[in-house]
Amino acid sequence: MARRNRTDLRALRNTIDEAHLLLTTTQLPENRSKRACELLGTALKLADHLLTESAAVTLGKLGGQKIAERGPDYFRNLAARRNIQGGGRPRKQAE
């Protein structure tokens, strides 16, 4: 799935680049082409940034830090509770 999103993003970036190139060669009234070129340039930079940074980095920047705040005692207690308290669905009682 990530591979497909990456190729879609690359295709979008190429489309934006082509539109930017077309607008730099034309002149529209009231400086419309200039503003459109600015917006497309910004979109190009954003697409390049999204292509260079992986999704895992974006989603998991704080994940390790937040877990580390709990400390080793938390995880020791958690493992002990797994062994002692068997969770899950209660057993059926015979009728």
Protein backbone atom coordinates (compact mmCIF):
# COMPACT_ATOMS: atom_id res chain seq x y z
CA MET A 1 0.00 0.00 0.00
CA ALA A 2 2.80 2.42 0.84
CA ARG A 3 4.43 1.73 -2.52
CA ARG A 4 1.25 2.72 -4.35
CA ASN A 5 0.90 5.95 -2.37
CA ARG A 6 4.51 6.80 -3.15
CA THR A 7 4.01 6.32 -6.88
CA ASP A 8 0.80 8.34 -6.75
CA LEU A 9 2.64 11.14 -4.97
CA ARG A 10 5.43 11.03 -7.53
CA ALA A 11 2.86 11.26 -10.35
CA LEU A 12 1.17 14.21 -8.63
CA ARG A 13 4.54 15.93 -8.25
CA ASN A 14 5.29 15.45 -11.96
CA THR A 15 1.87 16.85 -12.91
CA ILE A 16 2.41 19.92 -10.73
CA ASP A 17 5.86 20.38 -12.25
CA GLU A 18 4.44 20.25 -15.77
CA ALA A 19 1.71 22.79 -14.94
CA HIS A 20 4.34 25.05 -13.35
CA LEU A 21 6.45 24.85 -16.49
CA LEU A 22 3.46 25.72 -18.69
CA LEU A 23 2.54 28.74 -16.60
CA THR A 24 6.07 30.13 -16.56
CA THR A 25 5.96 30.41 -20.36
CA THR A 26 2.59 32.20 -20.60
CA GLN A 27 1.36 35.61 -19.49
CA LEU A 28 -2.14 36.06 -18.10
CA PRO A 29 -3.76 39.41 -17.28
CA GLU A 30 -3.61 40.91 -13.77
CA ASN A 31 -0.54 38.87 -12.77
CA ARG A 32 -2.59 35.68 -12.47
CA SER A 33 0.13 33.54 -14.00
CA LYS A 34 2.67 34.90 -11.51
CA ARG A 35 0.49 33.98 -8.52
CA ALA A 36 -0.30 30.57 -9.99
CA CYS A 37 3.44 29.96 -10.46
CA GLU A 38 4.05 30.86 -6.81
CA LEU A 39 1.36 28.43 -5.65
CA LEU A 40 2.60 25.64 -7.89
CA GLY A 41 6.16 26.24 -6.71
CA THR A 42 5.01 25.84 -3.12
CA ALA A 43 3.12 22.68 -4.04
CA LEU A 44 6.28 21.32 -5.67
CA LYS A 45 8.29 21.93 -2.52
CA LEU A 46 5.64 20.24 -0.41
CA ALA A 47 5.52 17.20 -2.71
CA ASP A 48 9.32 16.93 -2.65
CA HIS A 49 9.29 17.07 1.15
CA LEU A 50 6.64 14.35 1.36
CA LEU A 51 8.63 12.16 -1.01
CA THR A 52 11.85 12.48 0.99
CA GLU A 53 10.36 11.84 4.44
CA SER A 54 9.03 8.38 5.17
CA ALA A 55 5.62 7.84 6.72
CA ALA A 56 7.05 5.91 9.65
CA VAL A 57 9.19 8.87 10.62
CA THR A 58 6.22 11.20 10.46
CA LEU A 59 3.93 8.97 12.51
CA GLY A 60 6.39 7.64 15.04
CA LYS A 61 8.47 10.63 16.09
CA LEU A 62 7.10 10.75 19.63
CA GLY A 63 6.20 7.09 20.04
CA GLY A 64 9.50 5.93 21.51
CA GLN A 65 9.82 8.95 23.79
CA LYS A 66 6.37 8.51 25.31
CA ILE A 67 6.93 4.81 25.96
CA ALA A 68 10.34 5.52 27.51
CA GLU A 69 8.72 7.87 30.03
CA ARG A 70 6.91 4.90 31.59
CA GLY A 71 10.17 3.28 32.58
CA PRO A 72 11.20 -0.36 33.01
CA ASP A 73 9.12 -0.87 36.18
CA TYR A 74 5.90 -0.31 34.26
CA PHE A 75 6.75 -3.03 31.77
CA ARG A 76 7.91 -5.38 34.52
CA ASN A 77 4.55 -4.99 36.27
CA LEU A 78 2.73 -5.41 32.98
CA ALA A 79 4.47 -8.72 32.30
CA ALA A 80 3.71 -9.89 35.84
CA ARG A 81 0.02 -9.07 35.40
CA ARG A 82 -0.05 -11.09 32.17
CA ASN A 83 1.20 -14.15 34.03
CA ILE A 84 -1.09 -13.77 37.06
CA GLN A 85 -4.35 -12.38 35.72
CA GLY A 86 -5.55 -14.41 32.78
CA GLY A 87 -7.80 -12.02 30.93
CA GLY A 88 -10.10 -12.69 28.07
CA ARG A 89 -13.62 -13.97 27.76
CA PRO A 90 -15.10 -15.78 30.74
CA ARG A 91 -15.61 -19.51 30.39
CA LYS A 92 -19.03 -20.94 29.78
CA GLN A 93 -20.61 -22.51 32.79
CA ALA A 94 -22.06 -25.99 32.41
CA GLU A 95 -25.84 -26.07 32.70
